Amino acid sequence: MVVFGSVAAFGFAIAWVATAAQQRGRIALGWATFAAVLAVIVFWTCAWLPGLRDDHESDTLSLLVAVAPAVLAFGSMAGVVWLLRRMPIKTSSRRQWQVDEISAGASGNRGHLRLEPAGLRVELTGNTQVIPLGALRTVAADGECLRLAWDREGVRRELLVLPRGTPDTPAGRRAQSQHIEALLRGTLPTATAHAPR
């Protein structure tokens, strides 16, 4: 029973590390493997330290010595989660992003933004257009969303999109919006960023 509980707790801790890594845009399998190897090293190092295996006069001390390796092993995994949560969110540096249109209450209109030499290609369900780079007037991260405005035939057009890349969490979407804004502002000399409305 104790072995089953320990294995289940170890599996839970690995899943905890993997989830924390995925939420920060990191490779979940790599971080979970690192945490598992670290926990095993800490466990076996503590279990085989000279002096800890000796018989102790106190039952309390014997119990502490018996559980210390497991506690320290799980503590090392908690330390990995702590480190992951303090790392910045990592977003993709590619030039195409999956988005949902949320302009004017639109919902479920999934598509892509793609930066091309001719301009910014917006591909949404039933609608594809290329916005010339010189026509863009506003590129602004607005919370989790990205706000775009451009002029076409003398009319100001606006588009509000929600990035849906990984990590697809509120903090991840904010980081993606800020990344796309920075990339577009660096590429588009006429685009200006405005404070979110």
N, C-alpha and C. Protein backbone atom coordinates (compact mmCIF):
# COMPACT_ATOMS: atom_id res chain seq x y z
N MET A 1 0.82 -1.21 0.00
CA MET A 1 0.00 0.00 0.00
C MET A 1 0.86 1.27 0.00
N VAL A 2 1.93 1.25 0.81
CA VAL A 2 2.82 2.40 0.89
C VAL A 2 3.52 2.61 -0.45
N VAL A 3 3.91 1.51 -1.10
CA VAL A 3 4.59 1.61 -2.39
C VAL A 3 3.63 2.20 -3.43
N PHE A 4 2.39 1.72 -3.45
CA PHE A 4 1.41 2.24 -4.41
C PHE A 4 1.17 3.74 -4.19
N GLY A 5 1.04 4.14 -2.92
CA GLY A 5 0.84 5.55 -2.61
C GLY A 5 2.02 6.41 -3.02
N SER A 6 3.23 5.88 -2.82
CA SER A 6 4.44 6.62 -3.21
C SER A 6 4.53 6.78 -4.71
N VAL A 7 4.23 5.71 -5.44
CA VAL A 7 4.27 5.78 -6.91
C VAL A 7 3.20 6.75 -7.43
N ALA A 8 2.01 6.71 -6.83
CA ALA A 8 0.95 7.64 -7.24
C ALA A 8 1.34 9.09 -6.95
N ALA A 9 1.93 9.33 -5.79
CA ALA A 9 2.36 10.69 -5.45
C ALA A 9 3.47 11.15 -6.38
N PHE A 10 4.39 10.26 -6.73
CA PHE A 10 5.48 10.60 -7.65
C PHE A 10 4.91 10.94 -9.03
N GLY A 11 3.93 10.15 -9.49
CA GLY A 11 3.28 10.44 -10.78
C GLY A 11 2.54 11.77 -10.76
N PHE A 12 1.86 12.06 -9.66
CA PHE A 12 1.18 13.34 -9.51
C PHE A 12 2.17 14.50 -9.57
N ALA A 13 3.32 14.34 -8.89
CA ALA A 13 4.32 15.41 -8.88
C ALA A 13 4.91 15.63 -10.28
N ILE A 14 5.12 14.55 -11.02
CA ILE A 14 5.62 14.69 -12.39
C ILE A 14 4.59 15.42 -13.26
N ALA A 15 3.31 15.05 -13.11
CA ALA A 15 2.25 15.74 -13.87
C ALA A 15 2.18 17.21 -13.49
N TRP A 16 2.39 17.52 -12.23
CA TRP A 16 2.39 18.91 -11.74
C TRP A 16 3.50 19.71 -12.42
N VAL A 17 4.69 19.13 -12.51
CA VAL A 17 5.81 19.80 -13.17
C VAL A 17 5.51 19.99 -14.66
N ALA A 18 4.98 18.95 -15.31
CA ALA A 18 4.67 19.04 -16.74
C ALA A 18 3.63 20.12 -17.02
N THR A 19 2.61 20.22 -16.18
CA THR A 19 1.58 21.24 -16.36
C THR A 19 2.16 22.63 -16.17
N ALA A 20 3.00 22.80 -15.15
CA ALA A 20 3.63 24.11 -14.92
C ALA A 20 4.50 24.50 -16.12
N ALA A 21 5.22 23.55 -16.68
CA ALA A 21 6.08 23.82 -17.84
C ALA A 21 5.23 24.21 -19.05
N GLN A 22 4.16 23.48 -19.28
CA GLN A 22 3.30 23.75 -20.43
C GLN A 22 2.65 25.13 -20.31
N GLN A 23 2.25 25.53 -19.12
CA GLN A 23 1.63 26.84 -18.92
C GLN A 23 2.60 27.98 -19.17
N ARG A 24 3.88 27.73 -19.09
CA ARG A 24 4.89 28.75 -19.35
C ARG A 24 5.46 28.64 -20.76
N GLY A 25 4.88 27.77 -21.60
CA GLY A 25 5.34 27.63 -22.98
C GLY A 25 6.64 26.85 -23.09
N ARG A 26 6.94 26.04 -22.11
CA ARG A 26 8.16 25.24 -22.10
C ARG A 26 7.85 23.81 -22.53
N ILE A 27 8.88 23.03 -22.80
CA ILE A 27 8.71 21.63 -23.22
C ILE A 27 8.38 20.80 -21.98
N ALA A 28 7.14 20.35 -21.90
CA ALA A 28 6.66 19.66 -20.70
C ALA A 28 7.43 18.36 -20.45
N LEU A 29 7.65 17.57 -21.49
CA LEU A 29 8.33 16.29 -21.31
C LEU A 29 9.76 16.49 -20.80
N GLY A 30 10.46 17.48 -21.33
CA GLY A 30 11.83 17.74 -20.89
C GLY A 30 11.90 18.16 -19.44
N TRP A 31 11.02 19.07 -19.03
CA TRP A 31 11.04 19.54 -17.64
C TRP A 31 10.57 18.45 -16.69
N ALA A 32 9.59 17.63 -17.09
CA ALA A 32 9.13 16.54 -16.23
C ALA A 32 10.23 15.50 -16.06
N THR A 33 10.96 15.21 -17.14
CA THR A 33 12.06 14.26 -17.05
C THR A 33 13.17 14.79 -16.14
N PHE A 34 13.51 16.07 -16.32
CA PHE A 34 14.53 16.69 -15.46
C PHE A 34 14.13 16.60 -14.00
N ALA A 35 12.87 16.94 -13.68
CA ALA A 35 12.41 16.91 -12.28
C ALA A 35 12.42 15.49 -11.73
N ALA A 36 12.03 14.51 -12.55
CA ALA A 36 12.01 13.12 -12.08
C ALA A 36 13.43 12.63 -11.79
N VAL A 37 14.37 12.92 -12.69
CA VAL A 37 15.76 12.51 -12.48
C VAL A 37 16.33 13.19 -11.24
N LEU A 38 16.05 14.49 -11.08
CA LEU A 38 16.52 15.21 -9.91
C LEU A 38 15.96 14.60 -8.63
N ALA A 39 14.67 14.26 -8.63
CA ALA A 39 14.05 13.69 -7.44
C ALA A 39 14.66 12.33 -7.10
N VAL A 40 14.93 11.51 -8.12
CA VAL A 40 15.54 10.19 -7.87
C VAL A 40 16.94 10.36 -7.30
N ILE A 41 17.71 11.30 -7.86
CA ILE A 41 19.07 11.55 -7.35
C ILE A 41 19.02 12.02 -5.89
N VAL A 42 18.13 12.95 -5.59
CA VAL A 42 18.00 13.46 -4.21
C VAL A 42 17.57 12.33 -3.28
N PHE A 43 16.60 11.51 -3.72
CA PHE A 43 16.11 10.42 -2.89
C PHE A 43 17.23 9.45 -2.54
N TRP A 44 17.93 8.97 -3.56
CA TRP A 44 18.97 7.96 -3.31
C TRP A 44 20.17 8.55 -2.57
N THR A 45 20.48 9.80 -2.82
CA THR A 45 21.57 10.43 -2.08
C THR A 45 21.23 10.51 -0.60
N CYS A 46 20.01 10.94 -0.29
CA CYS A 46 19.59 11.04 1.12
C CYS A 46 19.48 9.66 1.77
N ALA A 47 19.01 8.68 1.01
CA ALA A 47 18.80 7.35 1.57
C ALA A 47 20.12 6.66 1.91
N TRP A 48 21.16 7.00 1.20
CA TRP A 48 22.43 6.29 1.39
C TRP A 48 23.51 7.14 2.05
N LEU A 49 23.15 8.29 2.58
CA LEU A 49 24.14 9.10 3.29
C LEU A 49 24.64 8.34 4.52
N PRO A 50 25.94 8.35 4.76
CA PRO A 50 26.47 7.67 5.96
C PRO A 50 25.86 8.27 7.22
N GLY A 51 25.52 7.42 8.13
CA GLY A 51 24.98 7.89 9.40
C GLY A 51 23.46 7.89 9.43
N LEU A 52 22.82 8.03 8.27
CA LEU A 52 21.36 8.04 8.27
C LEU A 52 20.78 6.63 8.33
N ARG A 53 21.58 5.64 7.96
CA ARG A 53 21.08 4.26 7.95
C ARG A 53 21.26 3.58 9.31
N ASP A 54 22.00 4.20 10.18
CA ASP A 54 22.25 3.60 11.49
C ASP A 54 20.97 3.57 12.32
N ASP A 55 20.94 2.63 13.25
CA ASP A 55 19.80 2.56 14.16
C ASP A 55 19.84 3.75 15.11
N HIS A 56 18.67 4.28 15.40
CA HIS A 56 18.58 5.44 16.28
C HIS A 56 17.82 5.06 17.54
N GLU A 57 18.17 5.69 18.63
CA GLU A 57 17.53 5.40 19.91
C GLU A 57 16.09 5.89 19.95
N SER A 58 15.82 6.97 19.25
CA SER A 58 14.49 7.57 19.31
C SER A 58 13.65 7.10 18.12
N ASP A 59 12.40 6.74 18.39
CA ASP A 59 11.49 6.35 17.32
C ASP A 59 11.16 7.53 16.42
N THR A 60 11.07 8.71 17.01
CA THR A 60 10.77 9.91 16.24
C THR A 60 11.90 10.20 15.26
N LEU A 61 13.11 10.10 15.73
CA LEU A 61 14.27 10.34 14.86
C LEU A 61 14.34 9.28 13.76
N SER A 62 14.03 8.04 14.10
CA SER A 62 14.02 6.97 13.10
C SER A 62 12.97 7.25 12.03
N LEU A 63 11.80 7.74 12.45
CA LEU A 63 10.74 8.07 11.47
C LEU A 63 11.17 9.23 10.57
N LEU A 64 11.79 10.26 11.17
CA LEU A 64 12.25 11.39 10.37
C LEU A 64 13.30 10.96 9.36
N VAL A 65 14.21 10.10 9.78
CA VAL A 65 15.26 9.62 8.87
C VAL A 65 14.63 8.78 7.76
N ALA A 66 13.58 8.04 8.08
CA ALA A 66 12.92 7.18 7.08
C ALA A 66 12.17 7.99 6.02
N VAL A 67 11.54 9.09 6.42
CA VAL A 67 10.73 9.86 5.46
C VAL A 67 11.51 11.00 4.81
N ALA A 68 12.67 11.35 5.36
CA ALA A 68 13.43 12.49 4.82
C ALA A 68 13.75 12.35 3.33
N PRO A 69 14.21 11.20 2.84
CA PRO A 69 14.51 11.12 1.40
C PRO A 69 13.30 11.42 0.52
N ALA A 70 12.14 10.89 0.88
CA ALA A 70 10.94 11.13 0.06
C ALA A 70 10.51 12.59 0.13
N VAL A 71 10.57 13.16 1.32
CA VAL A 71 10.18 14.56 1.49
C VAL A 71 11.12 15.47 0.70
N LEU A 72 12.41 15.23 0.78
CA LEU A 72 13.37 16.05 0.05
C LEU A 72 13.25 15.85 -1.47
N ALA A 73 12.92 14.62 -1.90
CA ALA A 73 12.74 14.37 -3.33
C ALA A 73 11.54 15.16 -3.86
N PHE A 74 10.43 15.14 -3.13
CA PHE A 74 9.26 15.92 -3.56
C PHE A 74 9.53 17.42 -3.42
N GLY A 75 10.34 17.78 -2.43
CA GLY A 75 10.74 19.19 -2.30
C GLY A 75 11.54 19.66 -3.50
N SER A 76 12.38 18.78 -4.05
CA SER A 76 13.15 19.17 -5.24
C SER A 76 12.22 19.38 -6.44
N MET A 77 11.16 18.57 -6.53
CA MET A 77 10.20 18.74 -7.63
C MET A 77 9.40 20.04 -7.44
N ALA A 78 9.07 20.35 -6.19
CA ALA A 78 8.38 21.61 -5.91
C ALA A 78 9.29 22.78 -6.26
N GLY A 79 10.59 22.62 -6.04
CA GLY A 79 11.55 23.66 -6.41
C GLY A 79 11.58 23.89 -7.92
N VAL A 80 11.45 22.82 -8.70
CA VAL A 80 11.40 22.95 -10.17
C VAL A 80 10.14 23.71 -10.58
N VAL A 81 9.01 23.40 -9.96
CA VAL A 81 7.77 24.12 -10.26
C VAL A 81 7.92 25.59 -9.88
N TRP A 82 8.51 25.87 -8.74
CA TRP A 82 8.75 27.25 -8.31
C TRP A 82 9.59 27.99 -9.36
N LEU A 83 10.66 27.34 -9.84
CA LEU A 83 11.52 27.95 -10.85
C LEU A 83 10.73 28.21 -12.15
N LEU A 84 9.94 27.24 -12.59
CA LEU A 84 9.16 27.41 -13.82
C LEU A 84 8.19 28.58 -13.71
N ARG A 85 7.55 28.73 -12.58
CA ARG A 85 6.56 29.80 -12.42
C ARG A 85 7.19 31.19 -12.37
N ARG A 86 8.47 31.25 -12.16
CA ARG A 86 9.17 32.53 -12.16
C ARG A 86 9.82 32.85 -13.50
N MET A 87 9.82 31.88 -14.40
CA MET A 87 10.39 32.10 -15.73
C MET A 87 9.39 32.85 -16.61
N PRO A 88 9.86 33.67 -17.55
CA PRO A 88 8.92 34.35 -18.45
C PRO A 88 8.23 33.34 -19.36
N ILE A 89 7.04 33.70 -19.81
CA ILE A 89 6.31 32.83 -20.73
C ILE A 89 7.02 32.85 -22.08
N LYS A 90 7.23 31.69 -22.63
CA LYS A 90 7.93 31.56 -23.91
C LYS A 90 6.89 31.40 -25.02
N THR A 91 6.93 32.32 -25.98
CA THR A 91 6.02 32.23 -27.12
C THR A 91 6.81 31.95 -28.37
N SER A 92 6.13 31.47 -29.37
CA SER A 92 6.77 31.14 -30.63
C SER A 92 7.22 32.39 -31.36
N SER A 93 8.35 32.32 -32.05
CA SER A 93 8.84 33.48 -32.80
C SER A 93 8.55 33.35 -34.29
N ARG A 94 7.59 32.53 -34.64
CA ARG A 94 7.27 32.36 -36.05
C ARG A 94 6.49 33.55 -36.58
N ARG A 95 6.14 33.51 -37.85
CA ARG A 95 5.48 34.63 -38.49
C ARG A 95 4.04 34.28 -38.89
N GLN A 96 3.48 33.26 -38.26
CA GLN A 96 2.08 32.90 -38.48
C GLN A 96 1.49 32.50 -37.13
N TRP A 97 0.25 32.97 -36.88
CA TRP A 97 -0.37 32.73 -35.59
C TRP A 97 -1.82 32.32 -35.77
N GLN A 98 -2.24 31.33 -35.01
CA GLN A 98 -3.64 30.94 -34.99
C GLN A 98 -4.38 31.91 -34.08
N VAL A 99 -5.53 32.41 -34.55
CA VAL A 99 -6.28 33.41 -33.80
C VAL A 99 -7.77 33.14 -33.88
N ASP A 100 -8.51 33.72 -32.96
CA ASP A 100 -9.97 33.78 -33.01
C ASP A 100 -10.37 35.24 -33.16
N GLU A 101 -11.27 35.53 -34.10
CA GLU A 101 -11.77 36.90 -34.23
C GLU A 101 -12.81 37.15 -33.16
N ILE A 102 -12.67 38.27 -32.47
CA ILE A 102 -13.67 38.63 -31.46
C ILE A 102 -14.21 40.03 -31.71
N SER A 103 -13.98 40.58 -32.91
CA SER A 103 -14.51 41.91 -33.25
C SER A 103 -16.03 41.86 -33.29
N ALA A 104 -16.64 42.89 -32.76
CA ALA A 104 -18.10 43.05 -32.80
C ALA A 104 -18.82 41.82 -32.28
N GLY A 105 -18.26 41.19 -31.26
CA GLY A 105 -18.92 40.05 -30.64
C GLY A 105 -18.82 38.77 -31.43
N ALA A 106 -18.03 38.75 -32.51
CA ALA A 106 -17.88 37.52 -33.29
C ALA A 106 -17.24 36.47 -32.40
N SER A 107 -17.70 35.25 -32.53
CA SER A 107 -17.16 34.18 -31.72
C SER A 107 -17.01 32.93 -32.57
N GLY A 108 -15.94 32.21 -32.37
CA GLY A 108 -15.76 30.97 -33.09
C GLY A 108 -15.24 31.14 -34.50
N ASN A 109 -14.89 32.37 -34.87
CA ASN A 109 -14.36 32.62 -36.22
C ASN A 109 -12.85 32.44 -36.13
N ARG A 110 -12.41 31.20 -36.27
CA ARG A 110 -11.00 30.86 -36.11
C ARG A 110 -10.28 31.01 -37.44
N GLY A 111 -9.02 31.46 -37.36
CA GLY A 111 -8.23 31.62 -38.56
C GLY A 111 -6.78 31.84 -38.23
N HIS A 112 -6.08 32.53 -39.14
CA HIS A 112 -4.64 32.77 -38.97
C HIS A 112 -4.28 34.19 -39.36
N LEU A 113 -3.26 34.71 -38.71
CA LEU A 113 -2.57 35.91 -39.15
C LEU A 113 -1.22 35.43 -39.67
N ARG A 114 -0.80 35.95 -40.81
CA ARG A 114 0.48 35.55 -41.37
C ARG A 114 1.19 36.79 -41.90
N LEU A 115 2.41 37.02 -41.45
CA LEU A 115 3.21 38.13 -41.93
C LEU A 115 3.93 37.69 -43.20
N GLU A 116 3.64 38.41 -44.30
CA GLU A 116 4.23 38.09 -45.60
C GLU A 116 4.90 39.35 -46.15
N PRO A 117 5.73 39.20 -47.18
CA PRO A 117 6.35 40.39 -47.77
C PRO A 117 5.33 41.41 -48.29
N ALA A 118 4.18 40.92 -48.77
CA ALA A 118 3.16 41.83 -49.31
C ALA A 118 2.36 42.53 -48.24
N GLY A 119 2.38 42.00 -47.02
CA GLY A 119 1.60 42.59 -45.95
C GLY A 119 1.21 41.56 -44.92
N LEU A 120 0.18 41.88 -44.15
CA LEU A 120 -0.33 40.98 -43.13
C LEU A 120 -1.54 40.25 -43.69
N ARG A 121 -1.41 38.93 -43.90
CA ARG A 121 -2.52 38.13 -44.42
C ARG A 121 -3.41 37.72 -43.25
N VAL A 122 -4.69 38.05 -43.38
CA VAL A 122 -5.69 37.69 -42.37
C VAL A 122 -6.60 36.65 -43.00
N GLU A 123 -6.56 35.44 -42.48
CA GLU A 123 -7.39 34.35 -42.99
C GLU A 123 -8.37 33.94 -41.89
N LEU A 124 -9.61 34.34 -42.06
CA LEU A 124 -10.67 33.96 -41.13
C LEU A 124 -11.72 33.20 -41.91
N THR A 125 -12.58 32.50 -41.22
CA THR A 125 -13.60 31.69 -41.88
C THR A 125 -14.38 32.52 -42.89
N GLY A 126 -14.27 32.15 -44.16
CA GLY A 126 -15.01 32.83 -45.22
C GLY A 126 -14.44 34.17 -45.63
N ASN A 127 -13.28 34.55 -45.14
CA ASN A 127 -12.75 35.87 -45.45
C ASN A 127 -11.22 35.83 -45.38
N THR A 128 -10.59 36.13 -46.52
CA THR A 128 -9.13 36.24 -46.57
C THR A 128 -8.79 37.58 -47.18
N GLN A 129 -7.90 38.30 -46.53
CA GLN A 129 -7.47 39.59 -47.07
C GLN A 129 -6.02 39.83 -46.68
N VAL A 130 -5.35 40.64 -47.49
CA VAL A 130 -3.98 41.02 -47.20
C VAL A 130 -4.00 42.52 -46.91
N ILE A 131 -3.54 42.87 -45.72
CA ILE A 131 -3.48 44.27 -45.32
C ILE A 131 -2.08 44.77 -45.66
N PRO A 132 -1.96 45.73 -46.58
CA PRO A 132 -0.63 46.26 -46.89
C PRO A 132 0.01 46.86 -45.64
N LEU A 133 1.31 46.65 -45.51
CA LEU A 133 2.02 47.12 -44.32
C LEU A 133 1.87 48.63 -44.13
N GLY A 134 1.86 49.38 -45.23
CA GLY A 134 1.74 50.83 -45.14
C GLY A 134 0.36 51.30 -44.72
N ALA A 135 -0.65 50.43 -44.81
CA ALA A 135 -2.01 50.84 -44.45
C ALA A 135 -2.31 50.67 -42.97
N LEU A 136 -1.51 49.89 -42.26
CA LEU A 136 -1.75 49.68 -40.83
C LEU A 136 -1.55 50.97 -40.05
N ARG A 137 -2.49 51.30 -39.20
CA ARG A 137 -2.41 52.50 -38.38
C ARG A 137 -2.28 52.18 -36.89
N THR A 138 -2.84 51.05 -36.47
CA THR A 138 -2.79 50.66 -35.07
C THR A 138 -2.42 49.20 -34.95
N VAL A 139 -1.45 48.94 -34.12
CA VAL A 139 -1.09 47.58 -33.71
C VAL A 139 -0.90 47.67 -32.21
N ALA A 140 -1.82 47.07 -31.45
CA ALA A 140 -1.74 47.21 -29.99
C ALA A 140 -2.21 45.95 -29.29
N ALA A 141 -1.40 45.50 -28.34
CA ALA A 141 -1.85 44.43 -27.45
C ALA A 141 -2.87 45.05 -26.50
N ASP A 142 -4.02 44.40 -26.39
CA ASP A 142 -5.11 44.90 -25.56
C ASP A 142 -5.51 43.77 -24.61
N GLY A 143 -4.79 43.64 -23.51
CA GLY A 143 -5.01 42.51 -22.61
C GLY A 143 -4.57 41.23 -23.29
N GLU A 144 -5.50 40.29 -23.39
CA GLU A 144 -5.20 39.03 -24.06
C GLU A 144 -5.34 39.15 -25.58
N CYS A 145 -5.87 40.25 -26.06
CA CYS A 145 -6.19 40.41 -27.48
C CYS A 145 -5.17 41.28 -28.20
N LEU A 146 -5.27 41.26 -29.53
CA LEU A 146 -4.46 42.12 -30.37
C LEU A 146 -5.41 42.96 -31.21
N ARG A 147 -5.25 44.27 -31.14
CA ARG A 147 -6.11 45.20 -31.87
C ARG A 147 -5.34 45.72 -33.08
N LEU A 148 -5.96 45.61 -34.24
CA LEU A 148 -5.38 46.10 -35.50
C LEU A 148 -6.35 47.09 -36.13
N ALA A 149 -5.82 48.16 -36.70
CA ALA A 149 -6.64 49.11 -37.45
C ALA A 149 -5.84 49.52 -38.69
N TRP A 150 -6.55 49.65 -39.80
CA TRP A 150 -5.91 50.04 -41.05
C TRP A 150 -6.91 50.79 -41.92
N ASP A 151 -6.38 51.51 -42.89
CA ASP A 151 -7.22 52.26 -43.83
C ASP A 151 -7.30 51.49 -45.14
N ARG A 152 -8.53 51.35 -45.65
CA ARG A 152 -8.73 50.74 -46.96
C ARG A 152 -9.79 51.54 -47.69
N GLU A 153 -9.42 52.12 -48.81
CA GLU A 153 -10.32 52.92 -49.65
C GLU A 153 -10.95 54.04 -48.83
N GLY A 154 -10.15 54.70 -48.00
CA GLY A 154 -10.62 55.84 -47.22
C GLY A 154 -11.47 55.48 -46.01
N VAL A 155 -11.60 54.20 -45.70
CA VAL A 155 -12.42 53.78 -44.57
C VAL A 155 -11.52 53.10 -43.54
N ARG A 156 -11.67 53.47 -42.27
CA ARG A 156 -10.89 52.85 -41.20
C ARG A 156 -11.53 51.51 -40.84
N ARG A 157 -10.75 50.46 -40.90
CA ARG A 157 -11.21 49.11 -40.54
C ARG A 157 -10.50 48.69 -39.26
N GLU A 158 -11.20 47.89 -38.46
CA GLU A 158 -10.63 47.41 -37.21
C GLU A 158 -10.84 45.92 -37.09
N LEU A 159 -9.89 45.28 -36.43
CA LEU A 159 -9.98 43.85 -36.19
C LEU A 159 -9.42 43.58 -34.79
N LEU A 160 -10.15 42.81 -34.02
CA LEU A 160 -9.71 42.41 -32.68
C LEU A 160 -9.63 40.89 -32.69
N VAL A 161 -8.43 40.37 -32.42
CA VAL A 161 -8.23 38.92 -32.46
C VAL A 161 -7.64 38.44 -31.14
N LEU A 162 -7.91 37.18 -30.83
CA LEU A 162 -7.41 36.53 -29.63
C LEU A 162 -6.43 35.44 -30.07
N PRO A 163 -5.14 35.59 -29.78
CA PRO A 163 -4.18 34.55 -30.17
C PRO A 163 -4.49 33.23 -29.48
N ARG A 164 -4.37 32.13 -30.23
CA ARG A 164 -4.70 30.81 -29.69
C ARG A 164 -3.52 29.84 -29.77
N GLY A 165 -2.30 30.36 -29.80
CA GLY A 165 -1.13 29.49 -29.81
C GLY A 165 -0.87 28.94 -28.42
N THR A 166 0.26 28.30 -28.26
CA THR A 166 0.60 27.76 -26.95
C THR A 166 1.55 28.70 -26.24
N PRO A 167 1.40 28.87 -24.97
CA PRO A 167 0.37 28.28 -24.11
C PRO A 167 -0.96 29.03 -24.25
N ASP A 168 -2.05 28.28 -24.32
CA ASP A 168 -3.38 28.87 -24.50
C ASP A 168 -4.02 29.10 -23.13
N THR A 169 -3.39 30.00 -22.38
CA THR A 169 -3.85 30.41 -21.06
C THR A 169 -3.97 31.93 -21.08
N PRO A 170 -4.66 32.54 -20.14
CA PRO A 170 -4.74 34.01 -20.14
C PRO A 170 -3.36 34.68 -20.17
N ALA A 171 -2.45 34.22 -19.33
CA ALA A 171 -1.10 34.81 -19.33
C ALA A 171 -0.38 34.51 -20.65
N GLY A 172 -0.58 33.32 -21.19
CA GLY A 172 0.04 32.97 -22.46
C GLY A 172 -0.49 33.80 -23.61
N ARG A 173 -1.81 34.05 -23.62
CA ARG A 173 -2.39 34.89 -24.69
C ARG A 173 -1.92 36.33 -24.58
N ARG A 174 -1.75 36.84 -23.34
CA ARG A 174 -1.20 38.19 -23.17
C ARG A 174 0.22 38.27 -23.73
N ALA A 175 1.02 37.25 -23.42
CA ALA A 175 2.41 37.23 -23.92
C ALA A 175 2.43 37.13 -25.44
N GLN A 176 1.54 36.32 -26.01
CA GLN A 176 1.49 36.20 -27.47
C GLN A 176 1.09 37.52 -28.12
N SER A 177 0.09 38.19 -27.55
CA SER A 177 -0.34 39.48 -28.10
C SER A 177 0.80 40.49 -28.05
N GLN A 178 1.52 40.53 -26.94
CA GLN A 178 2.64 41.46 -26.82
C GLN A 178 3.76 41.11 -27.79
N HIS A 179 3.99 39.82 -27.99
CA HIS A 179 5.02 39.38 -28.93
C HIS A 179 4.66 39.78 -30.36
N ILE A 180 3.41 39.53 -30.75
CA ILE A 180 2.97 39.88 -32.11
C ILE A 180 3.04 41.39 -32.30
N GLU A 181 2.60 42.14 -31.28
CA GLU A 181 2.67 43.61 -31.37
C GLU A 181 4.10 44.07 -31.58
N ALA A 182 5.03 43.54 -30.79
CA ALA A 182 6.43 43.95 -30.91
C ALA A 182 6.98 43.60 -32.28
N LEU A 183 6.63 42.41 -32.77
CA LEU A 183 7.12 42.00 -34.08
C LEU A 183 6.55 42.89 -35.18
N LEU A 184 5.25 43.16 -35.14
CA LEU A 184 4.63 43.99 -36.17
C LEU A 184 5.10 45.44 -36.07
N ARG A 185 5.23 45.95 -34.88
CA ARG A 185 5.71 47.34 -34.74
C ARG A 185 7.13 47.49 -35.25
N GLY A 186 7.95 46.47 -35.08
CA GLY A 186 9.31 46.52 -35.60
C GLY A 186 9.38 46.41 -37.11
N THR A 187 8.37 45.80 -37.70
CA THR A 187 8.34 45.60 -39.14
C THR A 187 7.60 46.73 -39.85
N LEU A 188 6.69 47.39 -39.14
CA LEU A 188 5.79 48.36 -39.77
C LEU A 188 6.12 49.77 -39.30
N PRO A 189 6.83 50.54 -40.07
CA PRO A 189 7.21 51.87 -39.61
C PRO A 189 6.03 52.82 -39.44
N THR A 190 4.91 52.59 -40.13
CA THR A 190 3.80 53.52 -40.02
C THR A 190 2.79 53.12 -38.95
N ALA A 191 2.91 51.90 -38.43
CA ALA A 191 1.97 51.47 -37.40
C ALA A 191 2.31 52.12 -36.08
N THR A 192 1.30 52.47 -35.35
CA THR A 192 1.51 53.08 -34.04
C THR A 192 0.77 52.28 -33.00
N ALA A 193 1.32 52.23 -31.84
CA ALA A 193 0.66 51.51 -30.73
C ALA A 193 -0.09 52.54 -29.91
N HIS A 194 -1.29 52.18 -29.56
CA HIS A 194 -2.12 53.05 -28.72
C HIS A 194 -2.43 52.31 -27.44
N ALA A 195 -2.75 53.08 -26.42
CA ALA A 195 -3.16 52.45 -25.16
C ALA A 195 -4.44 51.68 -25.41
N PRO A 196 -4.59 50.49 -24.80
CA PRO A 196 -5.80 49.72 -24.96
C PRO A 196 -7.03 50.52 -24.52
N ARG A 197 -8.11 50.32 -25.26
CA ARG A 197 -9.34 51.03 -24.93
C ARG A 197 -10.12 50.30 -23.88
